[in-house]
Amino acid sequence: MISGWKEEIQRDYLNFLRGHPKATPCELAMHLNLSEGCAIYWLTDLAREGKVRITGLELVEEDTASFEPQTALTPQRAAVFPVPGPAPTPPEDY
């Protein structure tokens, strides 16, 4: 593993959250160009370490939402942040 990689990821999250303290996982994911699931994973890691506080949840009723992987996290996402298509491929030197 690369030394300091976790701290660098956490720093990116915390820097965004300092400017957007009430951001949603979807907004964070869009800003960092990550999947929403990845954003949630790291947010829970930060919460376990006491660096962020998760203050809200929203129940998704089975009969009102599709349970596809992308929409199960935030059913209203498409209305606010439409998905343009496949994610871009990172550069080779990434």
Protein backbone atom coordinates (compact mmCIF):
# COMPACT_ATOMS: atom_id res chain seq x y z
CA MET A 1 0.00 0.00 0.00
CA ILE A 2 1.01 3.58 -0.58
CA SER A 3 1.81 5.38 2.63
CA GLY A 4 -0.67 8.16 3.45
CA TRP A 5 -3.33 7.17 0.89
CA LYS A 6 -6.11 6.93 3.45
CA GLU A 7 -5.24 10.30 4.95
CA GLU A 8 -5.24 11.88 1.47
CA ILE A 9 -8.72 10.52 0.73
CA GLN A 10 -10.00 11.69 4.10
CA ARG A 11 -8.47 15.13 3.54
CA ASP A 12 -10.34 15.45 0.21
CA TYR A 13 -13.63 14.53 1.90
CA LEU A 14 -13.10 16.85 4.86
CA ASN A 15 -12.03 19.78 2.67
CA PHE A 16 -15.26 19.48 0.66
CA LEU A 17 -17.36 19.13 3.81
CA ARG A 18 -15.80 22.25 5.36
CA GLY A 19 -17.25 24.27 2.48
CA HIS A 20 -20.48 22.25 2.28
CA PRO A 21 -21.30 21.12 5.84
CA LYS A 22 -24.78 19.81 4.97
CA ALA A 23 -23.80 17.99 1.75
CA THR A 24 -25.43 14.76 0.70
CA PRO A 25 -23.44 11.65 -0.20
CA CYS A 26 -24.57 12.23 -3.79
CA GLU A 27 -23.15 15.78 -3.85
CA LEU A 28 -19.89 14.59 -2.34
CA ALA A 29 -19.63 11.76 -4.86
CA MET A 30 -20.28 14.11 -7.77
CA HIS A 31 -17.63 16.56 -6.52
CA LEU A 32 -15.01 13.85 -6.05
CA ASN A 33 -16.02 11.97 -9.22
CA LEU A 34 -16.81 8.79 -7.26
CA SER A 35 -19.75 6.44 -7.02
CA GLU A 36 -22.24 7.26 -4.34
CA GLY A 37 -21.56 3.88 -2.74
CA CYS A 38 -17.86 4.71 -2.47
CA ALA A 39 -18.68 8.09 -0.92
CA ILE A 40 -20.93 6.41 1.65
CA TYR A 41 -18.22 3.85 2.48
CA TRP A 42 -15.68 6.57 3.27
CA LEU A 43 -18.26 8.71 5.12
CA THR A 44 -19.01 5.80 7.45
CA ASP A 45 -15.27 5.31 7.96
CA LEU A 46 -14.92 8.99 8.88
CA ALA A 47 -17.93 8.69 11.21
CA ARG A 48 -16.38 5.68 12.98
CA GLU A 49 -13.26 7.76 13.56
CA GLY A 50 -15.35 10.65 14.94
CA LYS A 51 -14.42 13.06 12.14
CA VAL A 52 -17.95 13.51 10.76
CA ARG A 53 -21.42 13.01 12.19
CA ILE A 54 -24.17 11.32 10.17
CA THR A 55 -27.30 13.22 11.15
CA GLY A 56 -29.99 12.00 8.81
CA LEU A 57 -31.47 9.08 6.95
CA GLU A 58 -34.38 8.74 4.58
CA LEU A 59 -36.54 5.65 4.35
CA VAL A 60 -37.17 4.41 0.82
CA GLU A 61 -40.55 2.71 0.56
CA GLU A 62 -40.45 -0.48 -1.49
CA ASP A 63 -43.47 0.43 -3.60
CA THR A 64 -42.21 3.95 -4.44
CA ALA A 65 -38.67 3.36 -5.65
CA SER A 66 -36.67 1.15 -7.92
CA PHE A 67 -34.09 -0.96 -6.11
CA GLU A 68 -31.43 -0.87 -8.79
CA PRO A 69 -27.98 -0.33 -7.24
CA GLN A 70 -27.69 3.28 -8.33
CA THR A 71 -31.20 4.39 -7.39
CA ALA A 72 -31.46 2.45 -4.13
CA LEU A 73 -29.11 4.95 -2.50
CA THR A 74 -31.01 8.10 -3.47
CA PRO A 75 -34.11 7.68 -5.62
CA GLN A 76 -34.35 11.41 -6.35
CA ARG A 77 -30.78 11.60 -7.63
CA ALA A 78 -31.72 11.52 -11.31
CA ALA A 79 -33.88 14.62 -10.90
CA VAL A 80 -31.06 16.60 -9.30
CA PHE A 81 -27.94 14.99 -10.78
CA PRO A 82 -28.79 13.14 -13.98
CA VAL A 83 -26.33 10.43 -14.90
CA PRO A 84 -24.80 11.37 -18.27
CA GLY A 85 -23.62 7.88 -19.17
CA PRO A 86 -20.66 5.67 -18.40
CA ALA A 87 -17.98 7.13 -16.17
CA PRO A 88 -14.91 8.45 -17.98
CA THR A 89 -11.86 6.25 -18.07
CA PRO A 90 -9.04 7.59 -15.86
CA PRO A 91 -5.82 8.60 -17.62
CA GLU A 92 -3.12 5.94 -17.89
CA ASP A 93 -0.84 7.84 -15.50
CA TYR A 94 -3.56 7.90 -12.81
